[in-house]
Amino acid sequence: MSKVTPATRALAAAGVAFTVHAYDYDPDAESIGLQAAAALGEDPSRVLKTLMAQVDGKPVCVIVPSDQEVSMKKLAAAVGGKSAQMMKPPEAERLTGYKVGGISPFGQRKQVPTVIEQSALAHDLVYLNGGQRGLQVRLRPADVQRVLKAIVADVLA
């Protein structure tokens, strides 16, 4: 497994301090985020999942704790839209350049508006996908917000 991905290159280029953590990815896991948290021995609220959605037909990246679900109504409101829905996996893969289960908010093919769940900022350090299945990066949530120019909002269901 390569520990250099578009995501890690983007973080390094932005001057962000981060560490890389590999784990045994289970493609059959019911929840990829919860499986990652268990494999890393971390609280699921610190292991964030990256989801791709569409708000009024436009792509949006949303980052939430792995043990939570997104409220589509709150997500739409966070970016000034009317309605939101999850993006279909093939579309998310084409847009981001990553495979589902390995989608990182960093180093995507095309930067799209990003929303981070406000509760994630309460932690000193969080984990996010590092750009491939079985790879997480650990960094400060404030750095996530800064690098992605993310909107901070309550988007939990």
N, C-alpha and C. Protein backbone atom coordinates (compact mmCIF):
# COMPACT_ATOMS: atom_id res chain seq x y z
N MET A 1 0.84 -1.19 0.00
CA MET A 1 0.00 0.00 0.00
C MET A 1 0.88 1.25 0.00
N SER A 2 0.61 2.12 -0.94
CA SER A 2 1.35 3.37 -1.01
C SER A 2 0.80 4.33 0.04
N LYS A 3 1.70 5.02 0.71
CA LYS A 3 1.25 6.02 1.68
C LYS A 3 1.34 7.41 1.08
N VAL A 4 1.61 7.48 -0.22
CA VAL A 4 1.60 8.76 -0.93
C VAL A 4 0.44 8.72 -1.91
N THR A 5 -0.51 9.60 -1.70
CA THR A 5 -1.72 9.68 -2.51
C THR A 5 -1.93 11.15 -2.89
N PRO A 6 -2.86 11.42 -3.80
CA PRO A 6 -3.17 12.84 -4.06
C PRO A 6 -3.54 13.58 -2.77
N ALA A 7 -4.20 12.90 -1.84
CA ALA A 7 -4.60 13.53 -0.57
C ALA A 7 -3.38 13.90 0.27
N THR A 8 -2.45 12.97 0.44
CA THR A 8 -1.27 13.28 1.26
C THR A 8 -0.39 14.33 0.58
N ARG A 9 -0.32 14.29 -0.75
CA ARG A 9 0.44 15.32 -1.46
C ARG A 9 -0.20 16.70 -1.27
N ALA A 10 -1.54 16.77 -1.32
CA ALA A 10 -2.24 18.04 -1.13
C ALA A 10 -2.01 18.59 0.27
N LEU A 11 -2.04 17.70 1.28
CA LEU A 11 -1.81 18.15 2.65
C LEU A 11 -0.38 18.64 2.84
N ALA A 12 0.58 17.91 2.29
CA ALA A 12 1.98 18.32 2.39
C ALA A 12 2.20 19.66 1.69
N ALA A 13 1.61 19.83 0.53
CA ALA A 13 1.75 21.08 -0.23
C ALA A 13 1.15 22.26 0.53
N ALA A 14 0.10 21.98 1.32
CA ALA A 14 -0.56 23.04 2.10
C ALA A 14 0.16 23.31 3.41
N GLY A 15 1.23 22.54 3.70
CA GLY A 15 2.00 22.73 4.92
C GLY A 15 1.30 22.24 6.17
N VAL A 16 0.40 21.28 6.03
CA VAL A 16 -0.36 20.75 7.16
C VAL A 16 0.41 19.62 7.84
N ALA A 17 0.47 19.67 9.16
CA ALA A 17 1.07 18.58 9.93
C ALA A 17 0.06 17.44 10.02
N PHE A 18 0.46 16.24 9.59
CA PHE A 18 -0.44 15.09 9.65
C PHE A 18 0.39 13.82 9.78
N THR A 19 -0.26 12.77 10.24
CA THR A 19 0.36 11.45 10.29
C THR A 19 -0.51 10.49 9.50
N VAL A 20 0.11 9.45 8.95
CA VAL A 20 -0.58 8.48 8.11
C VAL A 20 -0.75 7.19 8.90
N HIS A 21 -1.93 6.60 8.82
CA HIS A 21 -2.26 5.39 9.57
C HIS A 21 -2.94 4.38 8.64
N ALA A 22 -2.28 3.25 8.45
CA ALA A 22 -2.86 2.18 7.63
C ALA A 22 -3.62 1.22 8.54
N TYR A 23 -4.65 0.60 7.99
CA TYR A 23 -5.42 -0.40 8.74
C TYR A 23 -5.95 -1.41 7.74
N ASP A 24 -6.44 -2.54 8.26
CA ASP A 24 -6.99 -3.58 7.39
C ASP A 24 -8.41 -3.20 6.99
N TYR A 25 -8.56 -2.81 5.75
CA TYR A 25 -9.85 -2.41 5.20
C TYR A 25 -10.71 -3.63 4.95
N ASP A 26 -11.97 -3.58 5.40
CA ASP A 26 -12.90 -4.69 5.17
C ASP A 26 -13.96 -4.24 4.16
N PRO A 27 -13.86 -4.71 2.91
CA PRO A 27 -14.82 -4.27 1.89
C PRO A 27 -16.26 -4.70 2.19
N ASP A 28 -16.44 -5.66 3.08
CA ASP A 28 -17.78 -6.15 3.40
C ASP A 28 -18.36 -5.50 4.66
N ALA A 29 -17.64 -4.55 5.24
CA ALA A 29 -18.13 -3.91 6.47
C ALA A 29 -19.43 -3.17 6.19
N GLU A 30 -20.33 -3.21 7.17
CA GLU A 30 -21.61 -2.51 7.03
C GLU A 30 -21.38 -1.00 6.98
N SER A 31 -20.42 -0.53 7.78
CA SER A 31 -20.07 0.89 7.80
C SER A 31 -18.56 1.01 7.69
N ILE A 32 -18.09 1.60 6.60
CA ILE A 32 -16.65 1.74 6.37
C ILE A 32 -16.02 2.59 7.46
N GLY A 33 -16.68 3.69 7.83
CA GLY A 33 -16.15 4.58 8.86
C GLY A 33 -16.05 3.91 10.21
N LEU A 34 -17.09 3.17 10.61
CA LEU A 34 -17.06 2.48 11.91
C LEU A 34 -16.02 1.37 11.90
N GLN A 35 -15.86 0.70 10.77
CA GLN A 35 -14.85 -0.35 10.66
C GLN A 35 -13.46 0.26 10.80
N ALA A 36 -13.24 1.43 10.19
CA ALA A 36 -11.95 2.11 10.30
C ALA A 36 -11.68 2.51 11.75
N ALA A 37 -12.69 3.05 12.43
CA ALA A 37 -12.53 3.45 13.83
C ALA A 37 -12.15 2.26 14.69
N ALA A 38 -12.84 1.13 14.49
CA ALA A 38 -12.55 -0.08 15.27
C ALA A 38 -11.14 -0.57 14.98
N ALA A 39 -10.75 -0.59 13.70
CA ALA A 39 -9.42 -1.08 13.32
C ALA A 39 -8.31 -0.19 13.89
N LEU A 40 -8.59 1.11 14.01
CA LEU A 40 -7.60 2.05 14.55
C LEU A 40 -7.67 2.16 16.07
N GLY A 41 -8.70 1.56 16.68
CA GLY A 41 -8.86 1.65 18.13
C GLY A 41 -9.24 3.06 18.56
N GLU A 42 -10.00 3.76 17.73
CA GLU A 42 -10.36 5.15 18.01
C GLU A 42 -11.87 5.28 18.21
N ASP A 43 -12.25 6.33 18.93
CA ASP A 43 -13.66 6.66 19.11
C ASP A 43 -14.23 7.05 17.75
N PRO A 44 -15.38 6.49 17.35
CA PRO A 44 -15.96 6.81 16.04
C PRO A 44 -16.22 8.31 15.82
N SER A 45 -16.39 9.07 16.89
CA SER A 45 -16.64 10.50 16.73
C SER A 45 -15.40 11.25 16.25
N ARG A 46 -14.21 10.61 16.39
CA ARG A 46 -12.95 11.23 15.93
C ARG A 46 -12.55 10.74 14.54
N VAL A 47 -13.19 9.68 14.06
CA VAL A 47 -12.90 9.16 12.72
C VAL A 47 -14.02 9.68 11.81
N LEU A 48 -13.67 10.62 10.96
CA LEU A 48 -14.66 11.30 10.14
C LEU A 48 -14.81 10.63 8.79
N LYS A 49 -16.04 10.60 8.29
CA LYS A 49 -16.27 10.03 6.97
C LYS A 49 -16.50 11.15 5.96
N THR A 50 -16.05 10.90 4.75
CA THR A 50 -16.19 11.86 3.66
C THR A 50 -17.29 11.35 2.75
N LEU A 51 -18.33 12.14 2.60
CA LEU A 51 -19.46 11.76 1.76
C LEU A 51 -19.60 12.78 0.64
N MET A 52 -20.05 12.31 -0.50
CA MET A 52 -20.30 13.19 -1.63
C MET A 52 -21.81 13.27 -1.85
N ALA A 53 -22.29 14.49 -1.93
CA ALA A 53 -23.73 14.72 -2.10
C ALA A 53 -23.94 15.73 -3.23
N GLN A 54 -25.19 15.94 -3.54
CA GLN A 54 -25.57 16.98 -4.49
C GLN A 54 -26.61 17.87 -3.82
N VAL A 55 -26.38 19.17 -3.91
CA VAL A 55 -27.35 20.13 -3.42
C VAL A 55 -27.83 20.92 -4.63
N ASP A 56 -29.12 20.83 -4.88
CA ASP A 56 -29.72 21.47 -6.06
C ASP A 56 -28.94 21.09 -7.33
N GLY A 57 -28.50 19.83 -7.40
CA GLY A 57 -27.82 19.31 -8.58
C GLY A 57 -26.33 19.61 -8.65
N LYS A 58 -25.78 20.33 -7.65
CA LYS A 58 -24.35 20.67 -7.65
C LYS A 58 -23.61 19.84 -6.61
N PRO A 59 -22.38 19.37 -6.93
CA PRO A 59 -21.66 18.51 -6.00
C PRO A 59 -21.20 19.25 -4.74
N VAL A 60 -21.29 18.55 -3.62
CA VAL A 60 -20.85 19.05 -2.32
C VAL A 60 -20.19 17.89 -1.59
N CYS A 61 -19.10 18.20 -0.90
CA CYS A 61 -18.43 17.22 -0.04
C CYS A 61 -18.87 17.52 1.39
N VAL A 62 -19.21 16.48 2.14
CA VAL A 62 -19.64 16.67 3.52
C VAL A 62 -18.85 15.72 4.42
N ILE A 63 -18.36 16.26 5.55
CA ILE A 63 -17.51 15.51 6.48
C ILE A 63 -18.23 15.44 7.82
N VAL A 64 -18.49 14.21 8.27
CA VAL A 64 -19.20 14.00 9.54
C VAL A 64 -18.55 12.85 10.31
N PRO A 65 -18.76 12.80 11.64
CA PRO A 65 -18.26 11.66 12.41
C PRO A 65 -18.81 10.36 11.85
N SER A 66 -18.00 9.31 11.90
CA SER A 66 -18.37 8.03 11.27
C SER A 66 -19.56 7.35 11.92
N ASP A 67 -19.92 7.77 13.14
CA ASP A 67 -21.06 7.14 13.81
C ASP A 67 -22.34 7.97 13.66
N GLN A 68 -22.34 8.94 12.75
CA GLN A 68 -23.49 9.83 12.58
C GLN A 68 -24.00 9.80 11.14
N GLU A 69 -25.21 10.30 10.95
CA GLU A 69 -25.81 10.40 9.63
C GLU A 69 -26.04 11.88 9.30
N VAL A 70 -26.08 12.17 8.01
CA VAL A 70 -26.27 13.54 7.54
C VAL A 70 -27.76 13.84 7.35
N SER A 71 -28.18 15.01 7.81
CA SER A 71 -29.52 15.51 7.52
C SER A 71 -29.43 16.23 6.17
N MET A 72 -30.14 15.71 5.17
CA MET A 72 -30.09 16.32 3.84
C MET A 72 -30.66 17.74 3.88
N LYS A 73 -31.67 17.97 4.71
CA LYS A 73 -32.27 19.30 4.83
C LYS A 73 -31.24 20.29 5.40
N LYS A 74 -30.52 19.88 6.45
CA LYS A 74 -29.52 20.76 7.07
C LYS A 74 -28.34 20.99 6.13
N LEU A 75 -27.95 19.94 5.38
CA LEU A 75 -26.85 20.08 4.43
C LEU A 75 -27.21 21.10 3.35
N ALA A 76 -28.41 20.98 2.80
CA ALA A 76 -28.85 21.92 1.77
C ALA A 76 -28.84 23.35 2.32
N ALA A 77 -29.35 23.53 3.52
CA ALA A 77 -29.41 24.86 4.13
C ALA A 77 -28.00 25.42 4.36
N ALA A 78 -27.05 24.56 4.72
CA ALA A 78 -25.68 25.00 5.01
C ALA A 78 -25.00 25.65 3.81
N VAL A 79 -25.40 25.23 2.60
CA VAL A 79 -24.79 25.79 1.39
C VAL A 79 -25.78 26.66 0.61
N GLY A 80 -26.88 27.02 1.27
CA GLY A 80 -27.84 27.92 0.65
C GLY A 80 -28.70 27.28 -0.42
N GLY A 81 -28.89 25.96 -0.31
CA GLY A 81 -29.71 25.26 -1.30
C GLY A 81 -31.05 24.85 -0.75
N LYS A 82 -31.83 24.22 -1.62
CA LYS A 82 -33.18 23.79 -1.24
C LYS A 82 -33.25 22.31 -0.91
N SER A 83 -32.57 21.47 -1.73
CA SER A 83 -32.66 20.03 -1.48
C SER A 83 -31.32 19.37 -1.73
N ALA A 84 -31.10 18.28 -1.02
CA ALA A 84 -29.84 17.54 -1.13
C ALA A 84 -30.12 16.05 -1.22
N GLN A 85 -29.21 15.35 -1.86
CA GLN A 85 -29.27 13.88 -1.91
C GLN A 85 -27.85 13.36 -2.03
N MET A 86 -27.68 12.11 -1.61
CA MET A 86 -26.36 11.49 -1.71
C MET A 86 -26.03 11.26 -3.19
N MET A 87 -24.76 11.39 -3.53
CA MET A 87 -24.30 11.15 -4.89
C MET A 87 -24.16 9.64 -5.09
N LYS A 88 -24.48 9.17 -6.27
CA LYS A 88 -24.31 7.75 -6.58
C LYS A 88 -22.81 7.42 -6.63
N PRO A 89 -22.42 6.23 -6.12
CA PRO A 89 -20.99 5.89 -6.06
C PRO A 89 -20.20 6.09 -7.36
N PRO A 90 -20.70 5.65 -8.54
CA PRO A 90 -19.89 5.87 -9.75
C PRO A 90 -19.64 7.35 -10.04
N GLU A 91 -20.64 8.16 -9.73
CA GLU A 91 -20.50 9.60 -9.95
C GLU A 91 -19.48 10.21 -8.98
N ALA A 92 -19.55 9.76 -7.71
CA ALA A 92 -18.60 10.25 -6.70
C ALA A 92 -17.17 9.86 -7.08
N GLU A 93 -17.00 8.64 -7.58
CA GLU A 93 -15.66 8.18 -7.99
C GLU A 93 -15.14 8.98 -9.17
N ARG A 94 -15.99 9.25 -10.14
CA ARG A 94 -15.59 10.00 -11.33
C ARG A 94 -15.21 11.44 -10.94
N LEU A 95 -16.00 12.05 -10.07
CA LEU A 95 -15.78 13.43 -9.67
C LEU A 95 -14.51 13.60 -8.83
N THR A 96 -14.29 12.67 -7.89
CA THR A 96 -13.19 12.83 -6.93
C THR A 96 -11.88 12.22 -7.40
N GLY A 97 -11.97 11.19 -8.24
CA GLY A 97 -10.76 10.46 -8.62
C GLY A 97 -10.39 9.37 -7.63
N TYR A 98 -11.23 9.15 -6.64
CA TYR A 98 -11.01 8.12 -5.62
C TYR A 98 -12.09 7.05 -5.72
N LYS A 99 -11.76 5.85 -5.22
CA LYS A 99 -12.73 4.77 -5.13
C LYS A 99 -13.56 4.94 -3.85
N VAL A 100 -14.84 4.58 -3.89
CA VAL A 100 -15.66 4.60 -2.69
C VAL A 100 -14.97 3.73 -1.64
N GLY A 101 -14.94 4.22 -0.42
CA GLY A 101 -14.19 3.55 0.65
C GLY A 101 -12.80 4.15 0.79
N GLY A 102 -12.42 4.96 -0.19
CA GLY A 102 -11.11 5.62 -0.18
C GLY A 102 -11.22 7.08 -0.58
N ILE A 103 -12.43 7.64 -0.50
CA ILE A 103 -12.62 9.05 -0.90
C ILE A 103 -12.12 9.96 0.22
N SER A 104 -11.18 10.80 -0.14
CA SER A 104 -10.66 11.81 0.78
C SER A 104 -11.18 13.18 0.35
N PRO A 105 -11.36 14.09 1.31
CA PRO A 105 -11.75 15.44 0.91
C PRO A 105 -10.57 16.23 0.32
N PHE A 106 -9.36 15.70 0.52
CA PHE A 106 -8.15 16.38 0.05
C PHE A 106 -7.70 15.80 -1.29
N GLY A 107 -7.24 16.65 -2.18
CA GLY A 107 -6.67 16.18 -3.44
C GLY A 107 -7.67 15.61 -4.42
N GLN A 108 -8.92 16.03 -4.31
CA GLN A 108 -9.93 15.57 -5.27
C GLN A 108 -9.64 16.19 -6.63
N ARG A 109 -10.10 15.53 -7.69
CA ARG A 109 -9.89 16.05 -9.06
C ARG A 109 -10.37 17.47 -9.21
N LYS A 110 -11.53 17.76 -8.62
CA LYS A 110 -12.12 19.09 -8.72
C LYS A 110 -12.55 19.50 -7.32
N GLN A 111 -12.07 20.64 -6.85
CA GLN A 111 -12.46 21.11 -5.53
C GLN A 111 -13.92 21.56 -5.56
N VAL A 112 -14.71 21.03 -4.66
CA VAL A 112 -16.13 21.39 -4.57
C VAL A 112 -16.39 21.97 -3.18
N PRO A 113 -17.49 22.70 -3.00
CA PRO A 113 -17.80 23.22 -1.66
C PRO A 113 -17.82 22.06 -0.65
N THR A 114 -17.26 22.34 0.52
CA THR A 114 -17.16 21.32 1.56
C THR A 114 -17.81 21.84 2.84
N VAL A 115 -18.55 20.95 3.49
CA VAL A 115 -19.19 21.26 4.77
C VAL A 115 -18.64 20.28 5.79
N ILE A 116 -18.19 20.81 6.94
CA ILE A 116 -17.73 19.93 8.03
C ILE A 116 -18.68 20.10 9.21
N GLU A 117 -19.07 18.98 9.78
CA GLU A 117 -19.96 18.97 10.94
C GLU A 117 -19.27 19.69 12.09
N GLN A 118 -19.96 20.64 12.70
CA GLN A 118 -19.37 21.49 13.73
C GLN A 118 -18.83 20.71 14.92
N SER A 119 -19.46 19.59 15.29
CA SER A 119 -18.99 18.82 16.45
C SER A 119 -17.59 18.24 16.24
N ALA A 120 -17.18 18.08 14.97
CA ALA A 120 -15.84 17.53 14.68
C ALA A 120 -14.74 18.47 15.14
N LEU A 121 -15.05 19.77 15.22
CA LEU A 121 -14.04 20.75 15.61
C LEU A 121 -13.74 20.72 17.11
N ALA A 122 -14.51 19.97 17.87
CA ALA A 122 -14.30 19.88 19.32
C ALA A 122 -13.10 19.01 19.68
N HIS A 123 -12.63 18.19 18.73
CA HIS A 123 -11.52 17.27 19.00
C HIS A 123 -10.18 17.93 18.71
N ASP A 124 -9.13 17.49 19.44
CA ASP A 124 -7.78 17.98 19.16
C ASP A 124 -7.30 17.45 17.82
N LEU A 125 -7.53 16.15 17.60
CA LEU A 125 -7.11 15.50 16.36
C LEU A 125 -8.24 14.64 15.84
N VAL A 126 -8.36 14.55 14.53
CA VAL A 126 -9.36 13.69 13.89
C VAL A 126 -8.69 12.89 12.79
N TYR A 127 -9.37 11.85 12.36
CA TYR A 127 -8.90 11.01 11.25
C TYR A 127 -9.83 11.22 10.06
N LEU A 128 -9.23 11.26 8.88
CA LEU A 128 -9.98 11.33 7.63
C LEU A 128 -9.34 10.40 6.64
N ASN A 129 -10.09 9.99 5.64
CA ASN A 129 -9.54 9.09 4.64
C ASN A 129 -8.34 9.74 3.97
N GLY A 130 -7.30 8.94 3.77
CA GLY A 130 -6.06 9.43 3.17
C GLY A 130 -5.98 9.24 1.67
N GLY A 131 -7.07 8.84 1.04
CA GLY A 131 -7.08 8.75 -0.41
C GLY A 131 -7.02 7.35 -0.98
N GLN A 132 -7.08 6.35 -0.10
CA GLN A 132 -7.23 4.98 -0.57
C GLN A 132 -7.80 4.13 0.55
N ARG A 133 -8.39 3.02 0.16
CA ARG A 133 -9.00 2.14 1.15
C ARG A 133 -7.92 1.63 2.11
N GLY A 134 -8.22 1.73 3.40
CA GLY A 134 -7.27 1.26 4.41
C GLY A 134 -6.21 2.28 4.79
N LEU A 135 -6.43 3.54 4.46
CA LEU A 135 -5.45 4.58 4.79
C LEU A 135 -6.17 5.80 5.36
N GLN A 136 -5.76 6.21 6.55
CA GLN A 136 -6.33 7.39 7.20
C GLN A 136 -5.20 8.38 7.49
N VAL A 137 -5.54 9.66 7.50
CA VAL A 137 -4.60 10.69 7.95
C VAL A 137 -5.17 11.29 9.23
N ARG A 138 -4.26 11.58 10.17
CA ARG A 138 -4.67 12.20 11.44
C ARG A 138 -4.14 13.63 11.46
N LEU A 139 -5.03 14.58 11.74
CA LEU A 139 -4.65 15.98 11.73
C LEU A 139 -5.60 16.79 12.58
N ARG A 140 -5.30 18.07 12.74
CA ARG A 140 -6.16 18.96 13.52
C ARG A 140 -7.40 19.32 12.69
N PRO A 141 -8.60 19.30 13.29
CA PRO A 141 -9.80 19.65 12.53
C PRO A 141 -9.76 21.09 12.03
N ALA A 142 -9.08 21.98 12.75
CA ALA A 142 -8.97 23.37 12.28
C ALA A 142 -8.19 23.41 10.96
N ASP A 143 -7.21 22.52 10.79
CA ASP A 143 -6.47 22.46 9.52
C ASP A 143 -7.36 21.94 8.40
N VAL A 144 -8.23 20.99 8.73
CA VAL A 144 -9.18 20.47 7.74
C VAL A 144 -10.03 21.63 7.23
N GLN A 145 -10.58 22.38 8.17
CA GLN A 145 -11.45 23.50 7.81
C GLN A 145 -10.69 24.53 6.97
N ARG A 146 -9.47 24.87 7.40
CA ARG A 146 -8.70 25.91 6.71
C ARG A 146 -8.32 25.49 5.29
N VAL A 147 -7.76 24.30 5.14
CA VAL A 147 -7.29 23.84 3.83
C VAL A 147 -8.44 23.70 2.83
N LEU A 148 -9.57 23.19 3.30
CA LEU A 148 -10.71 22.96 2.42
C LEU A 148 -11.62 24.19 2.30
N LYS A 149 -11.31 25.23 3.10
CA LYS A 149 -12.21 26.41 3.17
C LYS A 149 -13.64 25.92 3.45
N ALA A 150 -13.73 24.99 4.39
CA ALA A 150 -15.00 24.31 4.67
C ALA A 150 -15.96 25.19 5.46
N ILE A 151 -17.22 25.04 5.14
CA ILE A 151 -18.31 25.66 5.88
C ILE A 151 -18.52 24.79 7.13
N VAL A 152 -18.57 25.42 8.30
CA VAL A 152 -18.82 24.70 9.55
C VAL A 152 -20.32 24.83 9.86
N ALA A 153 -20.98 23.70 10.01
CA ALA A 153 -22.43 23.73 10.26
C ALA A 153 -22.87 22.47 10.99
N ASP A 154 -24.03 22.56 11.63
CA ASP A 154 -24.68 21.38 12.21
C ASP A 154 -25.43 20.70 11.06
N VAL A 155 -24.94 19.56 10.64
CA VAL A 155 -25.58 18.83 9.52
C VAL A 155 -26.02 17.43 9.92
N LEU A 156 -26.06 17.17 11.24
CA LEU A 156 -26.41 15.81 11.68
C LEU A 156 -27.91 15.61 11.71
N ALA A 157 -28.30 14.36 11.36
CA ALA A 157 -29.71 13.98 11.36
C ALA A 157 -30.20 13.84 12.79
